[in-house]
PDB file of all heavy atoms in Angstrom:
ATOM      1  N   SER A   1      24.429 -20.382  73.582  1.00  0.00           N
ATOM      2  CA  SER A   1      23.380 -19.698  74.358  1.00  0.00           C
ATOM      3  C   SER A   1      22.049 -19.768  73.607  1.00  0.00           C
ATOM      4  O   SER A   1      21.963 -20.242  72.476  1.00  0.00           O
ATOM      5  CB  SER A   1      23.767 -18.243  74.635  1.00  0.00           C
ATOM      6  OG  SER A   1      24.907 -18.173  75.445  1.00  0.00           O
ATOM      7  N   PHE A   2      20.989 -19.233  74.247  1.00  0.00           N
ATOM      8  CA  PHE A   2      19.679 -19.078  73.574  1.00  0.00           C
ATOM      9  C   PHE A   2      19.077 -20.402  73.143  1.00  0.00           C
ATOM     10  O   PHE A   2      18.812 -20.629  71.968  1.00  0.00           O
ATOM     11  CB  PHE A   2      19.736 -18.131  72.385  1.00  0.00           C
ATOM     12  CG  PHE A   2      20.518 -16.865  72.618  1.00  0.00           C
ATOM     13  CD1 PHE A   2      21.315 -16.329  71.641  1.00  0.00           C
ATOM     14  CD2 PHE A   2      20.464 -16.234  73.849  1.00  0.00           C
ATOM     15  CE1 PHE A   2      22.018 -15.158  71.827  1.00  0.00           C
ATOM     16  CE2 PHE A   2      21.196 -15.052  74.050  1.00  0.00           C
ATOM     17  CZ  PHE A   2      21.958 -14.496  73.054  1.00  0.00           C
ATOM     18  N   GLY A   3      18.874 -21.337  74.100  1.00  0.00           N
ATOM     19  CA  GLY A   3      18.315 -22.623  73.776  1.00  0.00           C
ATOM     20  C   GLY A   3      19.354 -23.626  73.280  1.00  0.00           C
ATOM     21  O   GLY A   3      19.027 -24.546  72.497  1.00  0.00           O
ATOM     22  N   ALA A   4      20.570 -23.526  73.784  1.00  0.00           N
ATOM     23  CA  ALA A   4      21.655 -24.434  73.391  1.00  0.00           C
ATOM     24  C   ALA A   4      21.657 -25.659  74.327  1.00  0.00           C
ATOM     25  O   ALA A   4      21.533 -25.517  75.539  1.00  0.00           O
ATOM     26  CB  ALA A   4      23.002 -23.744  73.459  1.00  0.00           C
ATOM     27  N   ALA A   5      21.790 -26.854  73.695  1.00  0.00           N
ATOM     28  CA  ALA A   5      21.842 -28.106  74.504  1.00  0.00           C
ATOM     29  C   ALA A   5      22.910 -28.991  73.890  1.00  0.00           C
ATOM     30  O   ALA A   5      23.040 -29.137  72.679  1.00  0.00           O
ATOM     31  CB  ALA A   5      20.478 -28.754  74.455  1.00  0.00           C
ATOM     32  N   ASP A   6      23.645 -29.655  74.813  1.00  0.00           N
ATOM     33  CA  ASP A   6      24.707 -30.571  74.326  1.00  0.00           C
ATOM     34  C   ASP A   6      24.876 -31.699  75.345  1.00  0.00           C
ATOM     35  O   ASP A   6      24.551 -31.539  76.546  1.00  0.00           O
ATOM     36  CB  ASP A   6      25.989 -29.816  74.169  1.00  0.00           C
ATOM     37  CG  ASP A   6      26.774 -30.269  72.932  1.00  0.00           C
ATOM     38  OD1 ASP A   6      26.571 -31.424  72.514  1.00  0.00           O
ATOM     39  OD2 ASP A   6      27.605 -29.488  72.449  1.00  0.00           O
ATOM     40  N   HIS A   7      25.423 -32.825  74.874  1.00  0.00           N
ATOM     41  CA  HIS A   7      25.691 -33.992  75.700  1.00  0.00           C
ATOM     42  C   HIS A   7      24.489 -34.410  76.519  1.00  0.00           C
ATOM     43  O   HIS A   7      24.504 -34.438  77.730  1.00  0.00           O
ATOM     44  CB  HIS A   7      26.918 -33.717  76.606  1.00  0.00           C
ATOM     45  CG  HIS A   7      28.152 -33.362  75.830  1.00  0.00           C
ATOM     46  ND1 HIS A   7      28.775 -34.316  74.989  1.00  0.00           N
ATOM     47  CD2 HIS A   7      28.839 -32.235  75.714  1.00  0.00           C
ATOM     48  CE1 HIS A   7      29.831 -33.732  74.429  1.00  0.00           C
ATOM     49  NE2 HIS A   7      29.901 -32.462  74.828  1.00  0.00           N
ATOM     50  N   ASN A   8      23.393 -34.691  75.777  1.00  0.00           N
ATOM     51  CA  ASN A   8      22.142 -35.141  76.374  1.00  0.00           C
ATOM     52  C   ASN A   8      21.480 -34.065  77.244  1.00  0.00           C
ATOM     53  O   ASN A   8      20.968 -34.336  78.347  1.00  0.00           O
ATOM     54  CB  ASN A   8      22.327 -36.422  77.190  1.00  0.00           C
ATOM     55  CG  ASN A   8      22.935 -37.557  76.379  1.00  0.00           C
ATOM     56  OD1 ASN A   8      24.147 -37.666  76.308  1.00  0.00           O
ATOM     57  ND2 ASN A   8      22.098 -38.345  75.735  1.00  0.00           N
ATOM     58  N   GLY A   9      21.508 -32.819  76.759  1.00  0.00           N
ATOM     59  CA  GLY A   9      20.880 -31.731  77.460  1.00  0.00           C
ATOM     60  C   GLY A   9      19.514 -31.429  76.866  1.00  0.00           C
ATOM     61  O   GLY A   9      19.170 -31.784  75.699  1.00  0.00           O
ATOM     62  N   LEU A  10      18.660 -30.733  77.631  1.00  0.00           N
ATOM     63  CA  LEU A  10      17.372 -30.243  77.214  1.00  0.00           C
ATOM     64  C   LEU A  10      17.271 -28.782  77.582  1.00  0.00           C
ATOM     65  O   LEU A  10      17.308 -28.461  78.774  1.00  0.00           O
ATOM     66  CB  LEU A  10      16.228 -31.027  77.840  1.00  0.00           C
ATOM     67  CG  LEU A  10      14.801 -30.559  77.589  1.00  0.00           C
ATOM     68  CD1 LEU A  10      14.447 -30.610  76.101  1.00  0.00           C
ATOM     69  CD2 LEU A  10      13.807 -31.328  78.432  1.00  0.00           C
ATOM     70  N   ALA A  11      17.149 -27.894  76.600  1.00  0.00           N
ATOM     71  CA  ALA A  11      17.195 -26.445  76.848  1.00  0.00           C
ATOM     72  C   ALA A  11      16.053 -25.732  76.142  1.00  0.00           C
ATOM     73  O   ALA A  11      15.752 -26.044  74.979  1.00  0.00           O
ATOM     74  CB  ALA A  11      18.547 -25.845  76.443  1.00  0.00           C
ATOM     75  N   PHE A  12      15.458 -24.760  76.829  1.00  0.00           N
ATOM     76  CA  PHE A  12      14.414 -23.897  76.289  1.00  0.00           C
ATOM     77  C   PHE A  12      14.814 -22.422  76.424  1.00  0.00           C
ATOM     78  O   PHE A  12      15.254 -22.014  77.491  1.00  0.00           O
ATOM     79  CB  PHE A  12      13.072 -24.109  77.014  1.00  0.00           C
ATOM     80  CG  PHE A  12      12.434 -25.430  76.843  1.00  0.00           C
ATOM     81  CD1 PHE A  12      12.781 -26.469  77.649  1.00  0.00           C
ATOM     82  CD2 PHE A  12      11.520 -25.640  75.837  1.00  0.00           C
ATOM     83  CE1 PHE A  12      12.159 -27.719  77.496  1.00  0.00           C
ATOM     84  CE2 PHE A  12      10.900 -26.860  75.651  1.00  0.00           C
ATOM     85  CZ  PHE A  12      11.211 -27.920  76.515  1.00  0.00           C
ATOM     86  N   HIS A  13      14.633 -21.661  75.373  1.00  0.00           N
ATOM     87  CA  HIS A  13      14.688 -20.207  75.425  1.00  0.00           C
ATOM     88  C   HIS A  13      13.346 -19.720  74.907  1.00  0.00           C
ATOM     89  O   HIS A  13      12.986 -20.009  73.763  1.00  0.00           O
ATOM     90  CB  HIS A  13      15.829 -19.648  74.586  1.00  0.00           C
ATOM     91  CG  HIS A  13      15.857 -18.151  74.568  1.00  0.00           C
ATOM     92  ND1 HIS A  13      16.721 -17.408  75.335  1.00  0.00           N
ATOM     93  CD2 HIS A  13      15.121 -17.231  73.880  1.00  0.00           C
ATOM     94  CE1 HIS A  13      16.509 -16.127  75.138  1.00  0.00           C
ATOM     95  NE2 HIS A  13      15.544 -15.993  74.241  1.00  0.00           N
ATOM     96  N   TYR A  14      12.626 -18.961  75.682  1.00  0.00           N
ATOM     97  CA  TYR A  14      11.257 -18.573  75.379  1.00  0.00           C
ATOM     98  C   TYR A  14      11.067 -17.076  75.627  1.00  0.00           C
ATOM     99  O   TYR A  14      11.115 -16.644  76.776  1.00  0.00           O
ATOM    100  CB  TYR A  14      10.314 -19.400  76.257  1.00  0.00           C
ATOM    101  CG  TYR A  14       8.893 -19.482  75.825  1.00  0.00           C
ATOM    102  CD1 TYR A  14       8.434 -19.135  74.582  1.00  0.00           C
ATOM    103  CD2 TYR A  14       7.930 -19.978  76.743  1.00  0.00           C
ATOM    104  CE1 TYR A  14       7.121 -19.267  74.215  1.00  0.00           C
ATOM    105  CE2 TYR A  14       6.599 -20.112  76.412  1.00  0.00           C
ATOM    106  CZ  TYR A  14       6.199 -19.747  75.119  1.00  0.00           C
ATOM    107  OH  TYR A  14       4.870 -19.870  74.794  1.00  0.00           O
ATOM    108  N   ASP A  15      10.835 -16.279  74.575  1.00  0.00           N
ATOM    109  CA  ASP A  15      10.531 -14.851  74.692  1.00  0.00           C
ATOM    110  C   ASP A  15       9.153 -14.651  74.103  1.00  0.00           C
ATOM    111  O   ASP A  15       8.904 -14.922  72.936  1.00  0.00           O
ATOM    112  CB  ASP A  15      11.589 -14.023  73.956  1.00  0.00           C
ATOM    113  CG  ASP A  15      11.398 -12.538  74.216  1.00  0.00           C
ATOM    114  OD1 ASP A  15      10.359 -11.986  73.822  1.00  0.00           O
ATOM    115  OD2 ASP A  15      12.321 -11.935  74.825  1.00  0.00           O
ATOM    116  N   LEU A  16       8.238 -14.121  74.916  1.00  0.00           N
ATOM    117  CA  LEU A  16       6.829 -14.128  74.559  1.00  0.00           C
ATOM    118  C   LEU A  16       6.322 -12.884  73.854  1.00  0.00           C
ATOM    119  O   LEU A  16       5.231 -12.893  73.328  1.00  0.00           O
ATOM    120  CB  LEU A  16       5.935 -14.373  75.800  1.00  0.00           C
ATOM    121  CG  LEU A  16       5.790 -15.837  76.224  1.00  0.00           C
ATOM    122  CD1 LEU A  16       7.100 -16.422  76.719  1.00  0.00           C
ATOM    123  CD2 LEU A  16       4.724 -15.949  77.306  1.00  0.00           C
ATOM    124  N   ALA A  17       7.091 -11.794  73.831  1.00  0.00           N
ATOM    125  CA  ALA A  17       6.556 -10.540  73.230  1.00  0.00           C
ATOM    126  C   ALA A  17       7.717  -9.563  73.040  1.00  0.00           C
ATOM    127  O   ALA A  17       8.774  -9.673  73.619  1.00  0.00           O
ATOM    128  CB  ALA A  17       5.475  -9.964  74.116  1.00  0.00           C
ATOM    129  N   GLY A  18       7.427  -8.514  72.198  1.00  0.00           N
ATOM    130  CA  GLY A  18       8.351  -7.424  72.069  1.00  0.00           C
ATOM    131  C   GLY A  18       9.203  -7.494  70.834  1.00  0.00           C
ATOM    132  O   GLY A  18       9.275  -8.494  70.158  1.00  0.00           O
ATOM    133  N   ASN A  19       9.842  -6.351  70.514  1.00  0.00           N
ATOM    134  CA  ASN A  19      10.831  -6.275  69.447  1.00  0.00           C
ATOM    135  C   ASN A  19      12.201  -6.535  70.055  1.00  0.00           C
ATOM    136  O   ASN A  19      12.785  -5.675  70.736  1.00  0.00           O
ATOM    137  CB  ASN A  19      10.777  -4.872  68.799  1.00  0.00           C
ATOM    138  CG  ASN A  19       9.415  -4.545  68.248  1.00  0.00           C
ATOM    139  OD1 ASN A  19       8.802  -5.391  67.602  1.00  0.00           O
ATOM    140  ND2 ASN A  19       8.924  -3.330  68.481  1.00  0.00           N
ATOM    141  N   ASP A  20      12.729  -7.704  69.816  1.00  0.00           N
ATOM    142  CA  ASP A  20      13.914  -8.160  70.480  1.00  0.00           C
ATOM    143  C   ASP A  20      15.119  -8.215  69.551  1.00  0.00           C
ATOM    144  O   ASP A  20      14.976  -8.442  68.336  1.00  0.00           O
ATOM    145  CB  ASP A  20      13.686  -9.543  71.089  1.00  0.00           C
ATOM    146  CG  ASP A  20      12.430  -9.560  71.971  1.00  0.00           C
ATOM    147  OD1 ASP A  20      12.350  -8.671  72.854  1.00  0.00           O
ATOM    148  OD2 ASP A  20      11.612 -10.439  71.782  1.00  0.00           O
ATOM    149  N   THR A  21      16.305  -8.026  70.107  1.00  0.00           N
ATOM    150  CA  THR A  21      17.554  -8.029  69.330  1.00  0.00           C
ATOM    151  C   THR A  21      18.515  -9.041  69.934  1.00  0.00           C
ATOM    152  O   THR A  21      18.751  -9.075  71.130  1.00  0.00           O
ATOM    153  CB  THR A  21      18.239  -6.644  69.339  1.00  0.00           C
ATOM    154  OG1 THR A  21      17.344  -5.696  68.759  1.00  0.00           O
ATOM    155  CG2 THR A  21      19.512  -6.685  68.542  1.00  0.00           C
ATOM    156  N   TYR A  22      19.038  -9.926  69.078  1.00  0.00           N
ATOM    157  CA  TYR A  22      19.965 -10.949  69.493  1.00  0.00           C
ATOM    158  C   TYR A  22      21.303 -10.751  68.778  1.00  0.00           C
ATOM    159  O   TYR A  22      21.356 -10.541  67.560  1.00  0.00           O
ATOM    160  CB  TYR A  22      19.446 -12.347  69.122  1.00  0.00           C
ATOM    161  CG  TYR A  22      18.233 -12.742  69.935  1.00  0.00           C
ATOM    162  CD1 TYR A  22      16.963 -12.342  69.584  1.00  0.00           C
ATOM    163  CD2 TYR A  22      18.354 -13.593  71.067  1.00  0.00           C
ATOM    164  CE1 TYR A  22      15.838 -12.711  70.313  1.00  0.00           C
ATOM    165  CE2 TYR A  22      17.246 -13.957  71.800  1.00  0.00           C
ATOM    166  CZ  TYR A  22      16.007 -13.530  71.409  1.00  0.00           C
ATOM    167  OH  TYR A  22      14.883 -13.897  72.129  1.00  0.00           O
ATOM    168  N   GLU A  23      22.384 -10.890  69.561  1.00  0.00           N
ATOM    169  CA  GLU A  23      23.755 -10.793  68.974  1.00  0.00           C
ATOM    170  C   GLU A  23      24.532 -12.009  69.439  1.00  0.00           C
ATOM    171  O   GLU A  23      24.714 -12.205  70.644  1.00  0.00           O
ATOM    172  CB  GLU A  23      24.425  -9.492  69.419  1.00  0.00           C
ATOM    173  CG  GLU A  23      23.740  -8.233  68.930  1.00  0.00           C
ATOM    174  CD  GLU A  23      24.426  -6.967  69.372  1.00  0.00           C
ATOM    175  OE1 GLU A  23      25.473  -7.106  70.063  1.00  0.00           O
ATOM    176  OE2 GLU A  23      23.943  -5.890  69.093  1.00  0.00           O
ATOM    177  N   GLY A  24      25.017 -12.793  68.472  1.00  0.00           N
ATOM    178  CA  GLY A  24      25.845 -13.956  68.790  1.00  0.00           C
ATOM    179  C   GLY A  24      25.064 -15.036  69.508  1.00  0.00           C
ATOM    180  O   GLY A  24      23.849 -15.002  69.605  1.00  0.00           O
ATOM    181  N   GLY A  25      25.791 -16.065  69.955  1.00  0.00           N
ATOM    182  CA  GLY A  25      25.204 -16.979  70.913  1.00  0.00           C
ATOM    183  C   GLY A  25      24.521 -18.235  70.412  1.00  0.00           C
ATOM    184  O   GLY A  25      24.409 -19.206  71.147  1.00  0.00           O
ATOM    185  N   PHE A  26      24.040 -18.255  69.159  1.00  0.00           N
ATOM    186  CA  PHE A  26      23.287 -19.420  68.710  1.00  0.00           C
ATOM    187  C   PHE A  26      24.194 -20.610  68.417  1.00  0.00           C
ATOM    188  O   PHE A  26      25.248 -20.465  67.824  1.00  0.00           O
ATOM    189  CB  PHE A  26      22.436 -19.060  67.487  1.00  0.00           C
ATOM    190  CG  PHE A  26      21.238 -18.204  67.814  1.00  0.00           C
ATOM    191  CD1 PHE A  26      21.329 -16.845  67.732  1.00  0.00           C
ATOM    192  CD2 PHE A  26      20.052 -18.822  68.201  1.00  0.00           C
ATOM    193  CE1 PHE A  26      20.243 -16.049  68.029  1.00  0.00           C
ATOM    194  CE2 PHE A  26      18.948 -18.034  68.503  1.00  0.00           C
ATOM    195  CZ  PHE A  26      19.049 -16.631  68.419  1.00  0.00           C
ATOM    196  N   TYR A  27      23.733 -21.801  68.798  1.00  0.00           N
ATOM    197  CA  TYR A  27      24.518 -23.027  68.684  1.00  0.00           C
ATOM    198  C   TYR A  27      23.698 -24.108  68.004  1.00  0.00           C
ATOM    199  O   TYR A  27      22.596 -24.436  68.489  1.00  0.00           O
ATOM    200  CB  TYR A  27      24.925 -23.481  70.077  1.00  0.00           C
ATOM    201  CG  TYR A  27      25.704 -24.761  70.140  1.00  0.00           C
ATOM    202  CD1 TYR A  27      27.051 -24.786  69.864  1.00  0.00           C
ATOM    203  CD2 TYR A  27      25.081 -25.952  70.513  1.00  0.00           C
ATOM    204  CE1 TYR A  27      27.816 -25.972  69.938  1.00  0.00           C
ATOM    205  CE2 TYR A  27      25.827 -27.111  70.600  1.00  0.00           C
ATOM    206  CZ  TYR A  27      27.165 -27.119  70.324  1.00  0.00           C
ATOM    207  OH  TYR A  27      27.883 -28.276  70.391  1.00  0.00           O
ATOM    208  N   THR A  28      24.152 -24.624  66.885  1.00  0.00           N
ATOM    209  CA  THR A  28      23.310 -25.549  66.100  1.00  0.00           C
ATOM    210  C   THR A  28      24.022 -26.865  65.815  1.00  0.00           C
ATOM    211  O   THR A  28      23.469 -27.663  65.029  1.00  0.00           O
ATOM    212  CB  THR A  28      22.972 -24.892  64.736  1.00  0.00           C
ATOM    213  OG1 THR A  28      24.177 -24.607  64.023  1.00  0.00           O
ATOM    214  CG2 THR A  28      22.191 -23.623  64.949  1.00  0.00           C
ATOM    215  N   SER A  29      25.138 -27.183  66.422  1.00  0.00           N
ATOM    216  CA  SER A  29      25.897 -28.400  66.093  1.00  0.00           C
ATOM    217  C   SER A  29      26.112 -29.217  67.349  1.00  0.00           C
ATOM    218  O   SER A  29      27.198 -29.274  67.883  1.00  0.00           O
ATOM    219  CB  SER A  29      27.210 -28.038  65.440  1.00  0.00           C
ATOM    220  OG  SER A  29      27.029 -27.314  64.266  1.00  0.00           O
ATOM    221  N   GLN A  30      25.060 -29.873  67.809  1.00  0.00           N
ATOM    222  CA  GLN A  30      25.164 -30.657  69.025  1.00  0.00           C
ATOM    223  C   GLN A  30      26.076 -31.859  68.916  1.00  0.00           C
ATOM    224  O   GLN A  30      26.171 -32.454  67.833  1.00  0.00           O
ATOM    225  CB  GLN A  30      23.745 -31.169  69.460  1.00  0.00           C
ATOM    226  CG  GLN A  30      22.886 -30.109  70.108  1.00  0.00           C
ATOM    227  CD  GLN A  30      22.158 -29.230  69.108  1.00  0.00           C
ATOM    228  OE1 GLN A  30      22.400 -29.324  67.910  1.00  0.00           O
ATOM    229  NE2 GLN A  30      21.268 -28.395  69.608  1.00  0.00           N
ATOM    230  N   SER A  31      26.724 -32.136  69.993  1.00  0.00           N
ATOM    231  CA  SER A  31      27.493 -33.404  70.134  1.00  0.00           C
ATOM    232  C   SER A  31      27.028 -34.094  71.395  1.00  0.00           C
ATOM    233  O   SER A  31      26.819 -33.480  72.426  1.00  0.00           O
ATOM    234  CB  SER A  31      28.992 -33.089  70.286  1.00  0.00           C
ATOM    235  OG  SER A  31      29.690 -34.231  70.705  1.00  0.00           O
ATOM    236  N   ASN A  32      26.811 -35.423  71.285  1.00  0.00           N
ATOM    237  CA  ASN A  32      26.405 -36.181  72.449  1.00  0.00           C
ATOM    238  C   ASN A  32      27.468 -37.237  72.803  1.00  0.00           C
ATOM    239  O   ASN A  32      27.157 -38.347  73.202  1.00  0.00           O
ATOM    240  CB  ASN A  32      25.029 -36.829  72.181  1.00  0.00           C
ATOM    241  CG  ASN A  32      23.972 -35.770  71.954  1.00  0.00           C
ATOM    242  OD1 ASN A  32      23.636 -35.001  72.859  1.00  0.00           O
ATOM    243  ND2 ASN A  32      23.446 -35.687  70.737  1.00  0.00           N
ATOM    244  N   ALA A  33      28.731 -36.858  72.603  1.00  0.00           N
ATOM    245  CA  ALA A  33      29.830 -37.801  72.750  1.00  0.00           C
ATOM    246  C   ALA A  33      29.965 -38.292  74.172  1.00  0.00           C
ATOM    247  O   ALA A  33      30.501 -39.415  74.411  1.00  0.00           O
ATOM    248  CB  ALA A  33      31.118 -37.138  72.293  1.00  0.00           C
ATOM    249  N   TYR A  34      29.534 -37.536  75.167  1.00  0.00           N
ATOM    250  CA  TYR A  34      29.699 -37.967  76.549  1.00  0.00           C
ATOM    251  C   TYR A  34      28.931 -39.289  76.815  1.00  0.00           C
ATOM    252  O   TYR A  34      29.429 -40.196  77.487  1.00  0.00           O
ATOM    253  CB  TYR A  34      29.168 -36.932  77.518  1.00  0.00           C
ATOM    254  CG  TYR A  34      30.010 -35.720  77.718  1.00  0.00           C
ATOM    255  CD1 TYR A  34      31.174 -35.473  76.957  1.00  0.00           C
ATOM    256  CD2 TYR A  34      29.660 -34.775  78.655  1.00  0.00           C
ATOM    257  CE1 TYR A  34      31.929 -34.312  77.152  1.00  0.00           C
ATOM    258  CE2 TYR A  34      30.410 -33.644  78.880  1.00  0.00           C
ATOM    259  CZ  TYR A  34      31.553 -33.413  78.126  1.00  0.00           C
ATOM    260  OH  TYR A  34      32.278 -32.277  78.321  1.00  0.00           O
ATOM    261  N   HIS A  35      27.712 -39.364  76.287  1.00  0.00           N
ATOM    262  CA  HIS A  35      26.832 -40.463  76.682  1.00  0.00           C
ATOM    263  C   HIS A  35      26.169 -41.144  75.478  1.00  0.00           C
ATOM    264  O   HIS A  35      25.470 -42.134  75.648  1.00  0.00           O
ATOM    265  CB  HIS A  35      25.719 -39.982  77.620  1.00  0.00           C
ATOM    266  CG  HIS A  35      26.208 -39.123  78.740  1.00  0.00           C
ATOM    267  ND1 HIS A  35      26.864 -39.661  79.829  1.00  0.00           N
ATOM    268  CD2 HIS A  35      26.179 -37.804  78.923  1.00  0.00           C
ATOM    269  CE1 HIS A  35      27.211 -38.664  80.656  1.00  0.00           C
ATOM    270  NE2 HIS A  35      26.803 -37.537  80.144  1.00  0.00           N
ATOM    271  N   GLY A  36      26.304 -40.609  74.289  1.00  0.00           N
ATOM    272  CA  GLY A  36      25.486 -41.076  73.181  1.00  0.00           C
ATOM    273  C   GLY A  36      24.073 -40.487  73.334  1.00  0.00           C
ATOM    274  O   GLY A  36      23.807 -39.684  74.215  1.00  0.00           O
ATOM    275  N   GLY A  37      23.187 -40.913  72.470  1.00  0.00           N
ATOM    276  CA  GLY A  37      21.799 -40.419  72.599  1.00  0.00           C
ATOM    277  C   GLY A  37      21.585 -39.120  71.860  1.00  0.00           C
ATOM    278  O   GLY A  37      22.187 -38.835  70.795  1.00  0.00           O
ATOM    279  N   HIS A  38      20.733 -38.243  72.436  1.00  0.00           N
ATOM    280  CA  HIS A  38      20.358 -36.998  71.774  1.00  0.00           C
ATOM    281  C   HIS A  38      20.232 -35.845  72.754  1.00  0.00           C
ATOM    282  O   HIS A  38      20.029 -36.067  73.954  1.00  0.00           O
ATOM    283  CB  HIS A  38      18.996 -37.208  71.025  1.00  0.00           C
ATOM    284  CG  HIS A  38      19.052 -38.255  69.987  1.00  0.00           C
ATOM    285  ND1 HIS A  38      19.556 -38.034  68.723  1.00  0.00           N
ATOM    286  CD2 HIS A  38      18.646 -39.533  70.002  1.00  0.00           C
ATOM    287  CE1 HIS A  38      19.471 -39.150  68.020  1.00  0.00           C
ATOM    288  NE2 HIS A  38      18.897 -40.075  68.753  1.00  0.00           N
TER     289      HIS A  38
END
């Protein structure tokens, strides 16, 4: 979650203001095995 992209995905998570709290969800190990690429 929170801007996660995989298998040739393009994702944006954009929060413009405030004191925000995040729990879990971040993904940093993309795989593009379906199609190759990025």
